[in-house]
C-alpha cells in the first residue's frame, strides 16, 4: 500500500533527484517556468529550512515517485504537484492530490492555486476525477468553472475533495481583489448558476 509522507532530511537527496529528473515541460507545468538545476536544489533546500508542507510517495527502491507542496497564503494555498515519468499512471498523483485536498480542508482552505493549470490537462482530469472543482482562465477575459461529473452526467457530491477548487494561478489576483463574499466557496451539491 502506498502512502504519502512528510519527507525528512533523509529524503533531501531523493527529493532533489526527483525534481532534477523532470523534463523542461514538466518543470514548466510544476513551477510556472522552466527552472534550472541550481534553482531546483535551492527550492528543495528552502522546503526543509522553512519546514514547508510537502508530501511525497517513496517507492520501495527509496526513490521519490511523486511530490506535492502546499504553501498556505491568506486566502488560499498554492499547490505544486509532480510525478516522475516512470511512476505515472499508478495512482501516485491521485494519492498526492487527495492528501493535499484533505490537508487544505483541515485548515479551512477551499481554493488551491496551481501555475499553468489551463495547459495542464492531466492535472485537470485528475482533479475532476477525485471530485474537485476546476477553475481555469483560458484567456484574460473569461473564467471557466468546471464541475466534476460522473459517467451518467450527475454532479459528484459528498467527497471531501468536492469542497475544494483547483484554480489556475492567474485567477489569484482576480480572487484576491473581490469583496468579502467569496464566490469560490460554493456548496458542491448546489447547482451551478448558468
N, C-alpha and C. Protein backbone atom coordinates (compact mmCIF):
# COMPACT_ATOMS: atom_id res chain seq x y z
N UNK A 1 0.84 -1.18 0.00
CA UNK A 1 0.00 0.00 0.00
C UNK A 1 0.88 1.24 0.00
N UNK A 2 0.59 2.16 -0.91
CA UNK A 2 1.34 3.42 -0.97
C UNK A 2 0.75 4.42 0.02
N UNK A 3 1.64 5.23 0.59
CA UNK A 3 1.18 6.32 1.45
C UNK A 3 1.99 7.57 1.12
N UNK A 4 1.40 8.70 1.40
CA UNK A 4 2.07 9.98 1.25
C UNK A 4 2.62 10.37 2.61
N UNK A 5 3.91 10.65 2.68
CA UNK A 5 4.56 11.02 3.94
C UNK A 5 5.17 12.40 3.83
N UNK A 6 5.44 13.01 4.97
CA UNK A 6 6.21 14.25 5.01
C UNK A 6 7.69 13.85 4.98
N UNK A 7 8.45 14.37 4.04
CA UNK A 7 9.85 13.96 3.96
C UNK A 7 10.68 14.54 5.10
N UNK A 8 11.72 13.83 5.46
CA UNK A 8 12.67 14.31 6.46
C UNK A 8 13.98 14.62 5.73
N UNK A 9 14.98 15.03 6.47
CA UNK A 9 16.27 15.32 5.84
C UNK A 9 16.86 14.09 5.15
N UNK A 10 16.45 12.91 5.59
CA UNK A 10 16.90 11.68 4.94
C UNK A 10 16.47 11.66 3.47
N UNK A 11 15.36 12.32 3.17
CA UNK A 11 14.81 12.33 1.81
C UNK A 11 15.33 13.48 0.95
N UNK A 12 16.21 14.31 1.49
CA UNK A 12 16.65 15.51 0.77
C UNK A 12 17.18 15.18 -0.62
N UNK A 13 18.14 14.28 -0.69
CA UNK A 13 18.75 13.96 -1.99
C UNK A 13 17.72 13.32 -2.93
N UNK A 14 16.87 12.46 -2.40
CA UNK A 14 15.85 11.83 -3.22
C UNK A 14 14.87 12.85 -3.79
N UNK A 15 14.49 13.83 -2.97
CA UNK A 15 13.58 14.87 -3.45
C UNK A 15 14.27 15.73 -4.51
N UNK A 16 15.53 16.06 -4.27
CA UNK A 16 16.27 16.83 -5.27
C UNK A 16 16.38 16.03 -6.57
N UNK A 17 16.69 14.73 -6.48
CA UNK A 17 16.77 13.89 -7.69
C UNK A 17 15.43 13.84 -8.42
N UNK A 18 14.34 13.76 -7.65
CA UNK A 18 13.01 13.74 -8.27
C UNK A 18 12.79 14.98 -9.13
N UNK A 19 13.06 16.15 -8.57
CA UNK A 19 12.83 17.39 -9.31
C UNK A 19 13.82 17.54 -10.46
N UNK A 20 15.07 17.15 -10.26
CA UNK A 20 16.08 17.28 -11.32
C UNK A 20 15.77 16.37 -12.51
N UNK A 21 15.06 15.28 -12.27
CA UNK A 21 14.71 14.35 -13.35
C UNK A 21 13.53 14.84 -14.19
N UNK A 22 12.82 15.87 -13.74
CA UNK A 22 11.68 16.39 -14.51
C UNK A 22 12.17 17.01 -15.81
N UNK A 23 11.43 16.78 -16.88
CA UNK A 23 11.76 17.39 -18.17
C UNK A 23 11.47 18.88 -18.12
N UNK A 24 11.92 19.61 -19.12
CA UNK A 24 11.65 21.05 -19.18
C UNK A 24 10.15 21.32 -19.19
N UNK A 25 9.38 20.52 -19.93
CA UNK A 25 7.93 20.68 -19.96
C UNK A 25 7.30 20.43 -18.60
N UNK A 26 7.77 19.38 -17.91
CA UNK A 26 7.25 19.08 -16.57
C UNK A 26 7.61 20.19 -15.58
N UNK A 27 8.82 20.72 -15.70
CA UNK A 27 9.24 21.82 -14.81
C UNK A 27 8.37 23.05 -15.03
N UNK A 28 8.07 23.32 -16.28
CA UNK A 28 7.24 24.47 -16.60
C UNK A 28 5.84 24.32 -16.00
N UNK A 29 5.26 23.13 -16.12
CA UNK A 29 3.94 22.90 -15.55
C UNK A 29 3.98 22.96 -14.03
N UNK A 30 5.02 22.41 -13.42
CA UNK A 30 5.11 22.33 -11.97
C UNK A 30 5.45 23.67 -11.31
N UNK A 31 6.37 24.42 -11.90
CA UNK A 31 6.86 25.65 -11.28
C UNK A 31 6.40 26.93 -11.96
N UNK A 32 5.72 26.81 -13.08
CA UNK A 32 5.27 28.01 -13.80
C UNK A 32 6.30 28.54 -14.77
N UNK A 33 7.46 27.93 -14.78
CA UNK A 33 8.53 28.30 -15.71
C UNK A 33 9.53 27.16 -15.73
N UNK A 34 10.41 27.19 -16.72
CA UNK A 34 11.47 26.18 -16.77
C UNK A 34 12.55 26.63 -15.80
N UNK A 35 12.66 25.92 -14.71
CA UNK A 35 13.58 26.29 -13.64
C UNK A 35 14.89 25.50 -13.82
N UNK A 36 16.03 26.15 -13.62
CA UNK A 36 17.31 25.47 -13.83
C UNK A 36 17.67 24.59 -12.63
N UNK A 37 18.69 23.76 -12.80
CA UNK A 37 19.07 22.79 -11.77
C UNK A 37 19.49 23.45 -10.46
N UNK A 38 20.24 24.54 -10.54
CA UNK A 38 20.70 25.22 -9.33
C UNK A 38 19.49 25.75 -8.54
N UNK A 39 18.54 26.35 -9.24
CA UNK A 39 17.35 26.86 -8.56
C UNK A 39 16.48 25.73 -8.00
N UNK A 40 16.49 24.58 -8.67
CA UNK A 40 15.73 23.43 -8.15
C UNK A 40 16.30 22.95 -6.82
N UNK A 41 17.62 22.85 -6.74
CA UNK A 41 18.24 22.42 -5.49
C UNK A 41 17.99 23.46 -4.40
N UNK A 42 18.05 24.74 -4.74
CA UNK A 42 17.75 25.80 -3.76
C UNK A 42 16.30 25.70 -3.29
N UNK A 43 15.40 25.37 -4.19
CA UNK A 43 13.99 25.19 -3.84
C UNK A 43 13.84 24.07 -2.81
N UNK A 44 14.50 22.94 -3.05
CA UNK A 44 14.41 21.80 -2.13
C UNK A 44 15.01 22.20 -0.78
N UNK A 45 16.13 22.90 -0.78
CA UNK A 45 16.73 23.36 0.48
C UNK A 45 15.75 24.24 1.24
N UNK A 46 15.08 25.14 0.54
CA UNK A 46 14.13 26.06 1.18
C UNK A 46 12.95 25.29 1.79
N UNK A 47 12.54 24.21 1.15
CA UNK A 47 11.44 23.41 1.70
C UNK A 47 11.78 22.89 3.10
N UNK A 48 13.02 22.47 3.27
CA UNK A 48 13.43 21.93 4.56
C UNK A 48 13.75 23.02 5.56
N UNK A 49 14.32 24.13 5.12
CA UNK A 49 14.65 25.23 6.03
C UNK A 49 13.39 25.87 6.58
N UNK A 50 12.40 26.11 5.69
CA UNK A 50 11.16 26.78 6.12
C UNK A 50 10.13 25.79 6.66
N UNK A 51 10.47 24.52 6.67
CA UNK A 51 9.54 23.47 7.13
C UNK A 51 8.19 23.58 6.42
N UNK A 52 8.25 23.71 5.10
CA UNK A 52 7.04 23.81 4.27
C UNK A 52 6.27 22.49 4.30
N UNK A 53 5.02 22.56 3.92
CA UNK A 53 4.17 21.38 3.88
C UNK A 53 4.38 20.65 2.56
N UNK A 54 5.05 19.53 2.65
CA UNK A 54 5.35 18.71 1.48
C UNK A 54 4.98 17.27 1.82
N UNK A 55 4.40 16.60 0.84
CA UNK A 55 4.12 15.18 0.97
C UNK A 55 4.77 14.49 -0.22
N UNK A 56 5.34 13.32 0.03
CA UNK A 56 5.98 12.56 -1.04
C UNK A 56 5.53 11.11 -0.96
N UNK A 57 5.66 10.43 -2.09
CA UNK A 57 5.46 8.99 -2.14
C UNK A 57 6.82 8.38 -2.44
N UNK A 58 7.29 7.53 -1.53
CA UNK A 58 8.59 6.89 -1.68
C UNK A 58 8.35 5.45 -2.12
N UNK A 59 8.96 5.09 -3.22
CA UNK A 59 8.83 3.74 -3.74
C UNK A 59 9.76 2.80 -2.96
N UNK A 60 9.54 1.49 -3.07
CA UNK A 60 10.36 0.53 -2.34
C UNK A 60 11.86 0.69 -2.59
N UNK A 61 12.24 1.14 -3.77
CA UNK A 61 13.67 1.33 -4.07
C UNK A 61 14.19 2.63 -3.47
N UNK A 62 13.38 3.27 -2.61
CA UNK A 62 13.72 4.51 -1.91
C UNK A 62 13.76 5.72 -2.84
N UNK A 63 13.22 5.59 -4.05
CA UNK A 63 13.11 6.72 -4.96
C UNK A 63 11.81 7.45 -4.68
N UNK A 64 11.83 8.75 -4.79
CA UNK A 64 10.61 9.53 -4.63
C UNK A 64 9.89 9.53 -5.97
N UNK A 65 8.69 8.95 -5.97
CA UNK A 65 7.92 8.81 -7.20
C UNK A 65 7.06 10.03 -7.47
N UNK A 66 6.74 10.80 -6.43
CA UNK A 66 5.91 11.98 -6.61
C UNK A 66 5.98 12.88 -5.39
N UNK A 67 5.69 14.15 -5.61
CA UNK A 67 5.73 15.12 -4.52
C UNK A 67 4.65 16.17 -4.73
N UNK A 68 4.08 16.63 -3.62
CA UNK A 68 3.14 17.74 -3.66
C UNK A 68 3.54 18.72 -2.57
N UNK A 69 3.53 19.99 -2.92
CA UNK A 69 3.89 21.07 -2.00
C UNK A 69 2.68 21.98 -1.86
N UNK A 70 2.24 22.20 -0.64
CA UNK A 70 1.11 23.08 -0.36
C UNK A 70 1.65 24.26 0.45
N UNK A 71 1.56 25.44 -0.14
CA UNK A 71 2.05 26.66 0.52
C UNK A 71 0.83 27.53 0.84
N UNK A 72 0.53 27.67 2.11
CA UNK A 72 -0.66 28.41 2.53
C UNK A 72 -0.41 29.92 2.48
N UNK A 73 -1.47 30.63 2.04
CA UNK A 73 -1.46 32.09 1.97
C UNK A 73 -2.67 32.60 2.75
N UNK A 74 -2.88 33.91 2.73
CA UNK A 74 -4.01 34.49 3.45
C UNK A 74 -5.37 33.96 3.00
N UNK A 75 -5.56 33.77 1.68
CA UNK A 75 -6.88 33.43 1.16
C UNK A 75 -6.89 32.18 0.30
N UNK A 76 -6.02 31.27 0.59
CA UNK A 76 -5.98 30.04 -0.20
C UNK A 76 -4.64 29.37 -0.01
N UNK A 77 -4.25 28.62 -0.99
CA UNK A 77 -2.95 27.95 -0.94
C UNK A 77 -2.46 27.73 -2.36
N UNK A 78 -1.15 27.75 -2.50
CA UNK A 78 -0.53 27.42 -3.77
C UNK A 78 -0.16 25.95 -3.72
N UNK A 79 -0.35 25.26 -4.83
CA UNK A 79 -0.08 23.84 -4.89
C UNK A 79 0.83 23.54 -6.06
N UNK A 80 1.82 22.71 -5.82
CA UNK A 80 2.68 22.20 -6.88
C UNK A 80 2.72 20.69 -6.78
N UNK A 81 2.49 19.99 -7.88
CA UNK A 81 2.43 18.53 -7.88
C UNK A 81 3.28 18.01 -9.01
N UNK A 82 4.07 16.99 -8.73
CA UNK A 82 4.85 16.34 -9.78
C UNK A 82 4.93 14.85 -9.50
N UNK A 83 4.91 14.09 -10.58
CA UNK A 83 5.07 12.64 -10.51
C UNK A 83 6.13 12.28 -11.54
N UNK A 84 7.09 11.45 -11.12
CA UNK A 84 8.16 11.07 -12.05
C UNK A 84 7.57 10.34 -13.25
N UNK A 85 8.22 10.48 -14.39
CA UNK A 85 7.72 9.91 -15.63
C UNK A 85 7.51 8.39 -15.50
N UNK A 86 8.40 7.69 -14.82
CA UNK A 86 8.30 6.24 -14.69
C UNK A 86 7.16 5.81 -13.79
N UNK A 87 6.66 6.71 -12.94
CA UNK A 87 5.63 6.34 -11.96
C UNK A 87 4.23 6.80 -12.36
N UNK A 88 4.09 7.42 -13.52
CA UNK A 88 2.77 7.92 -13.92
C UNK A 88 1.83 6.77 -14.26
N UNK A 89 0.55 7.02 -14.01
CA UNK A 89 -0.46 6.02 -14.30
C UNK A 89 -0.60 4.96 -13.21
N UNK A 90 0.03 5.17 -12.06
CA UNK A 90 -0.01 4.20 -10.97
C UNK A 90 -0.77 4.71 -9.75
N UNK A 91 -1.47 5.83 -9.88
CA UNK A 91 -2.26 6.35 -8.78
C UNK A 91 -1.52 7.27 -7.82
N UNK A 92 -0.28 7.58 -8.12
CA UNK A 92 0.52 8.42 -7.21
C UNK A 92 0.03 9.85 -7.23
N UNK A 93 -0.27 10.39 -8.40
CA UNK A 93 -0.81 11.75 -8.48
C UNK A 93 -2.14 11.85 -7.76
N UNK A 94 -2.98 10.84 -7.91
CA UNK A 94 -4.27 10.82 -7.21
C UNK A 94 -4.07 10.84 -5.71
N UNK A 95 -3.20 9.98 -5.22
CA UNK A 95 -2.91 9.91 -3.78
C UNK A 95 -2.42 11.25 -3.25
N UNK A 96 -1.49 11.87 -3.96
CA UNK A 96 -0.93 13.14 -3.50
C UNK A 96 -1.95 14.28 -3.56
N UNK A 97 -2.74 14.33 -4.63
CA UNK A 97 -3.73 15.40 -4.74
C UNK A 97 -4.82 15.24 -3.69
N UNK A 98 -5.26 14.02 -3.44
CA UNK A 98 -6.25 13.79 -2.38
C UNK A 98 -5.68 14.18 -1.02
N UNK A 99 -4.41 13.85 -0.78
CA UNK A 99 -3.77 14.19 0.50
C UNK A 99 -3.70 15.70 0.66
N UNK A 100 -3.32 16.41 -0.39
CA UNK A 100 -3.25 17.87 -0.33
C UNK A 100 -4.63 18.47 -0.10
N UNK A 101 -5.67 17.92 -0.75
CA UNK A 101 -7.03 18.44 -0.59
C UNK A 101 -7.53 18.23 0.83
N UNK A 102 -7.28 17.04 1.39
CA UNK A 102 -7.69 16.79 2.78
C UNK A 102 -6.95 17.72 3.74
N UNK A 103 -5.67 17.91 3.50
CA UNK A 103 -4.88 18.78 4.37
C UNK A 103 -5.38 20.22 4.27
N UNK A 104 -5.64 20.70 3.06
CA UNK A 104 -6.16 22.06 2.88
C UNK A 104 -7.52 22.20 3.56
N UNK A 105 -8.38 21.20 3.38
CA UNK A 105 -9.69 21.22 4.00
C UNK A 105 -9.60 21.27 5.52
N UNK A 106 -8.62 20.59 6.09
CA UNK A 106 -8.45 20.61 7.55
C UNK A 106 -8.03 21.98 8.06
N UNK A 107 -7.47 22.80 7.17
CA UNK A 107 -7.08 24.17 7.52
C UNK A 107 -8.11 25.19 7.02
N UNK A 108 -9.29 24.71 6.63
CA UNK A 108 -10.40 25.55 6.15
C UNK A 108 -10.03 26.33 4.89
N UNK A 109 -9.20 25.76 4.07
CA UNK A 109 -8.82 26.37 2.80
C UNK A 109 -9.59 25.65 1.70
N UNK A 110 -10.31 26.42 0.89
CA UNK A 110 -11.15 25.81 -0.14
C UNK A 110 -10.61 25.99 -1.55
N UNK A 111 -9.53 26.77 -1.73
CA UNK A 111 -9.00 27.01 -3.07
C UNK A 111 -7.51 26.72 -3.09
N UNK A 112 -7.11 25.87 -4.01
CA UNK A 112 -5.70 25.56 -4.24
C UNK A 112 -5.33 26.13 -5.61
N UNK A 113 -4.36 27.03 -5.64
CA UNK A 113 -3.94 27.65 -6.89
C UNK A 113 -2.76 26.90 -7.48
N UNK A 114 -2.82 26.64 -8.79
CA UNK A 114 -1.79 25.89 -9.49
C UNK A 114 -1.33 26.71 -10.69
N UNK A 115 -0.03 26.80 -10.86
CA UNK A 115 0.51 27.50 -12.03
C UNK A 115 0.25 26.69 -13.29
N UNK A 116 -0.08 27.38 -14.37
CA UNK A 116 -0.28 26.78 -15.70
C UNK A 116 -1.35 25.71 -15.73
N UNK A 117 -2.37 25.83 -14.88
CA UNK A 117 -3.42 24.82 -14.86
C UNK A 117 -4.17 24.76 -16.20
N UNK A 118 -4.30 25.90 -16.84
CA UNK A 118 -5.01 25.94 -18.12
C UNK A 118 -4.38 25.04 -19.17
N UNK A 119 -3.07 24.84 -19.10
CA UNK A 119 -2.40 23.98 -20.09
C UNK A 119 -2.04 22.61 -19.53
N UNK A 120 -2.46 22.32 -18.31
CA UNK A 120 -2.13 21.04 -17.68
C UNK A 120 -3.37 20.15 -17.64
N UNK A 121 -3.73 19.61 -18.80
CA UNK A 121 -4.92 18.78 -18.91
C UNK A 121 -4.87 17.54 -18.01
N UNK A 122 -3.73 16.85 -17.88
CA UNK A 122 -3.72 15.68 -16.98
C UNK A 122 -4.08 16.04 -15.54
N UNK A 123 -3.58 17.15 -15.03
CA UNK A 123 -3.91 17.55 -13.66
C UNK A 123 -5.38 17.95 -13.54
N UNK A 124 -5.91 18.61 -14.55
CA UNK A 124 -7.33 18.97 -14.52
C UNK A 124 -8.21 17.73 -14.51
N UNK A 125 -7.87 16.75 -15.35
CA UNK A 125 -8.63 15.49 -15.37
C UNK A 125 -8.54 14.78 -14.03
N UNK A 126 -7.36 14.75 -13.46
CA UNK A 126 -7.16 14.11 -12.16
C UNK A 126 -8.00 14.79 -11.09
N UNK A 127 -7.99 16.11 -11.07
CA UNK A 127 -8.76 16.86 -10.07
C UNK A 127 -10.26 16.57 -10.22
N UNK A 128 -10.76 16.57 -11.44
CA UNK A 128 -12.18 16.27 -11.64
C UNK A 128 -12.50 14.84 -11.25
N UNK A 129 -11.59 13.93 -11.51
CA UNK A 129 -11.81 12.52 -11.19
C UNK A 129 -11.98 12.31 -9.68
N UNK A 130 -11.27 13.09 -8.86
CA UNK A 130 -11.41 12.92 -7.41
C UNK A 130 -12.47 13.84 -6.82
N UNK A 131 -13.18 14.57 -7.69
CA UNK A 131 -14.32 15.36 -7.22
C UNK A 131 -14.04 16.82 -6.96
N UNK A 132 -12.91 17.33 -7.39
CA UNK A 132 -12.62 18.75 -7.20
C UNK A 132 -13.29 19.57 -8.29
N UNK A 133 -13.58 20.82 -7.95
CA UNK A 133 -13.99 21.79 -8.96
C UNK A 133 -12.70 22.33 -9.57
N UNK A 134 -12.74 22.69 -10.84
CA UNK A 134 -11.55 23.19 -11.53
C UNK A 134 -11.91 24.53 -12.17
N UNK A 135 -11.12 25.55 -11.88
CA UNK A 135 -11.34 26.88 -12.44
C UNK A 135 -10.13 27.28 -13.26
N UNK A 136 -10.35 27.53 -14.54
CA UNK A 136 -9.27 27.93 -15.43
C UNK A 136 -9.63 29.23 -16.12
N UNK A 137 -8.62 29.98 -16.46
CA UNK A 137 -8.81 31.19 -17.25
C UNK A 137 -8.09 30.98 -18.57
N UNK A 138 -8.81 30.51 -19.59
CA UNK A 138 -8.15 30.26 -20.87
C UNK A 138 -7.57 31.53 -21.49
N UNK A 139 -8.15 32.67 -21.19
CA UNK A 139 -7.57 33.94 -21.58
C UNK A 139 -7.95 34.96 -20.52
N UNK A 140 -7.51 36.17 -20.68
CA UNK A 140 -7.72 37.16 -19.63
C UNK A 140 -9.16 37.63 -19.51
N UNK A 141 -10.02 37.25 -20.43
CA UNK A 141 -11.39 37.77 -20.41
C UNK A 141 -12.41 36.78 -19.89
N UNK A 142 -12.07 35.52 -19.79
CA UNK A 142 -13.07 34.54 -19.38
C UNK A 142 -12.58 33.71 -18.22
N UNK A 143 -13.51 33.24 -17.45
CA UNK A 143 -13.23 32.31 -16.37
C UNK A 143 -14.17 31.13 -16.55
N UNK A 144 -13.67 29.96 -16.45
CA UNK A 144 -14.47 28.77 -16.65
C UNK A 144 -14.38 27.93 -15.38
N UNK A 145 -15.51 27.57 -14.81
CA UNK A 145 -15.54 26.69 -13.66
C UNK A 145 -16.08 25.35 -14.12
N UNK A 146 -15.25 24.34 -14.08
CA UNK A 146 -15.64 23.01 -14.50
C UNK A 146 -16.12 22.24 -13.28
N UNK A 147 -17.32 21.69 -13.35
CA UNK A 147 -17.85 20.89 -12.25
C UNK A 147 -17.52 19.43 -12.50
N UNK A 148 -17.14 18.69 -11.45
CA UNK A 148 -16.90 17.26 -11.64
C UNK A 148 -18.20 16.55 -11.97
N UNK A 149 -18.16 15.66 -12.93
CA UNK A 149 -19.35 14.89 -13.28
C UNK A 149 -19.02 13.41 -13.33
N UNK A 150 -20.00 12.60 -13.01
CA UNK A 150 -19.83 11.16 -13.10
C UNK A 150 -20.22 10.72 -14.50
N UNK A 151 -20.01 9.46 -14.81
CA UNK A 151 -20.26 8.95 -16.16
C UNK A 151 -21.71 9.12 -16.60
N UNK A 152 -22.65 9.14 -15.63
CA UNK A 152 -24.05 9.31 -16.01
C UNK A 152 -24.44 10.78 -16.12
N UNK A 153 -23.47 11.68 -15.96
CA UNK A 153 -23.72 13.11 -16.08
C UNK A 153 -24.08 13.79 -14.78
N UNK A 154 -24.21 13.04 -13.69
CA UNK A 154 -24.56 13.63 -12.40
C UNK A 154 -23.35 14.32 -11.79
N UNK A 155 -23.59 15.39 -11.05
CA UNK A 155 -22.50 16.09 -10.39
C UNK A 155 -22.03 15.27 -9.19
N UNK A 156 -20.70 15.14 -9.08
CA UNK A 156 -20.12 14.42 -7.96
C UNK A 156 -20.41 15.20 -6.69
N UNK A 157 -20.71 14.51 -5.60
CA UNK A 157 -21.11 15.18 -4.38
C UNK A 157 -20.22 14.98 -3.20
N UNK A 158 -20.54 14.10 -2.34
CA UNK A 158 -20.16 14.02 -0.95
C UNK A 158 -18.68 13.97 -0.58
N UNK A 159 -17.76 13.80 -1.51
CA UNK A 159 -16.36 13.65 -1.11
C UNK A 159 -15.82 14.94 -0.52
N UNK A 160 -14.81 14.79 0.32
CA UNK A 160 -14.15 15.95 0.91
C UNK A 160 -13.56 16.83 -0.18
N UNK A 161 -12.95 16.20 -1.17
CA UNK A 161 -12.33 16.97 -2.24
C UNK A 161 -13.36 17.76 -3.03
N UNK A 162 -14.62 17.36 -3.02
CA UNK A 162 -15.66 18.08 -3.73
C UNK A 162 -15.87 19.49 -3.20
N UNK A 163 -15.32 19.77 -2.06
CA UNK A 163 -15.42 21.11 -1.48
C UNK A 163 -14.19 21.95 -1.77
N UNK A 164 -13.28 21.43 -2.54
CA UNK A 164 -12.03 22.11 -2.86
C UNK A 164 -12.05 22.49 -4.34
N UNK A 165 -11.58 23.69 -4.63
CA UNK A 165 -11.43 24.14 -6.01
C UNK A 165 -9.96 24.19 -6.36
N UNK A 166 -9.59 23.60 -7.48
CA UNK A 166 -8.26 23.71 -8.04
C UNK A 166 -8.34 24.83 -9.07
N UNK A 167 -7.64 25.93 -8.83
CA UNK A 167 -7.78 27.11 -9.67
C UNK A 167 -6.46 27.49 -10.30
N UNK A 168 -6.53 27.98 -11.52
CA UNK A 168 -5.35 28.47 -12.21
C UNK A 168 -4.78 29.66 -11.44
N UNK A 169 -3.48 29.71 -11.30
CA UNK A 169 -2.81 30.76 -10.53
C UNK A 169 -3.14 32.15 -11.08
N UNK A 170 -3.40 32.25 -12.38
CA UNK A 170 -3.72 33.54 -12.98
C UNK A 170 -5.00 34.15 -12.41
N UNK A 171 -5.86 33.32 -11.80
CA UNK A 171 -7.10 33.82 -11.21
C UNK A 171 -6.88 34.38 -9.80
N UNK A 172 -5.71 34.19 -9.24
CA UNK A 172 -5.44 34.61 -7.88
C UNK A 172 -5.64 36.11 -7.68
N UNK A 173 -5.13 36.92 -8.57
CA UNK A 173 -5.26 38.37 -8.39
C UNK A 173 -6.72 38.79 -8.52
N UNK A 174 -7.47 38.15 -9.40
CA UNK A 174 -8.89 38.46 -9.52
C UNK A 174 -9.60 38.10 -8.23
N UNK A 175 -9.31 36.93 -7.70
CA UNK A 175 -9.99 36.47 -6.49
C UNK A 175 -9.61 37.34 -5.30
N UNK A 176 -8.35 37.69 -5.17
CA UNK A 176 -7.90 38.48 -4.03
C UNK A 176 -8.45 39.90 -4.05
N UNK A 177 -8.89 40.38 -5.21
CA UNK A 177 -9.44 41.73 -5.29
C UNK A 177 -10.94 41.76 -5.06
N UNK A 178 -11.56 40.61 -4.87
CA UNK A 178 -13.01 40.53 -4.68
C UNK A 178 -13.39 40.95 -3.27
N UNK A 179 -14.63 41.39 -3.06
CA UNK A 179 -15.09 41.73 -1.71
C UNK A 179 -15.16 40.50 -0.82
N UNK A 180 -15.55 40.70 0.43
CA UNK A 180 -15.57 39.63 1.42
C UNK A 180 -16.38 38.41 0.99
N UNK A 181 -17.47 38.61 0.22
CA UNK A 181 -18.23 37.47 -0.29
C UNK A 181 -17.31 36.64 -1.16
N UNK A 182 -17.24 35.37 -0.91
CA UNK A 182 -16.32 34.50 -1.63
C UNK A 182 -17.07 33.62 -2.62
N UNK A 183 -17.08 33.97 -3.92
CA UNK A 183 -17.81 33.18 -4.90
C UNK A 183 -17.21 31.81 -5.12
N UNK A 184 -16.01 31.56 -4.64
CA UNK A 184 -15.36 30.27 -4.83
C UNK A 184 -15.87 29.24 -3.82
N UNK A 185 -16.45 29.69 -2.74
CA UNK A 185 -16.93 28.75 -1.71
C UNK A 185 -18.37 28.38 -2.02
N UNK A 186 -18.54 27.50 -2.96
CA UNK A 186 -19.85 27.06 -3.40
C UNK A 186 -20.05 25.64 -2.89
N UNK A 187 -21.22 25.38 -2.35
CA UNK A 187 -21.54 24.03 -1.91
C UNK A 187 -21.57 23.13 -3.14
N UNK A 188 -20.77 22.04 -3.16
CA UNK A 188 -20.72 21.20 -4.36
C UNK A 188 -22.03 20.52 -4.68
N UNK A 189 -22.99 20.53 -3.76
CA UNK A 189 -24.27 19.89 -4.05
C UNK A 189 -25.27 20.87 -4.65
N UNK A 190 -24.96 22.16 -4.58
CA UNK A 190 -25.85 23.15 -5.19
C UNK A 190 -25.60 23.20 -6.69
N UNK A 191 -26.66 23.41 -7.47
CA UNK A 191 -26.44 23.55 -8.91
C UNK A 191 -25.69 24.84 -9.20
N UNK A 192 -24.83 24.81 -10.20
CA UNK A 192 -24.07 25.98 -10.60
C UNK A 192 -24.97 26.95 -11.36
N UNK A 193 -24.82 28.27 -11.12
CA UNK A 193 -25.59 29.21 -11.91
C UNK A 193 -25.16 29.18 -13.37
N UNK A 194 -26.10 29.40 -14.26
CA UNK A 194 -25.77 29.35 -15.70
C UNK A 194 -25.19 30.64 -16.17
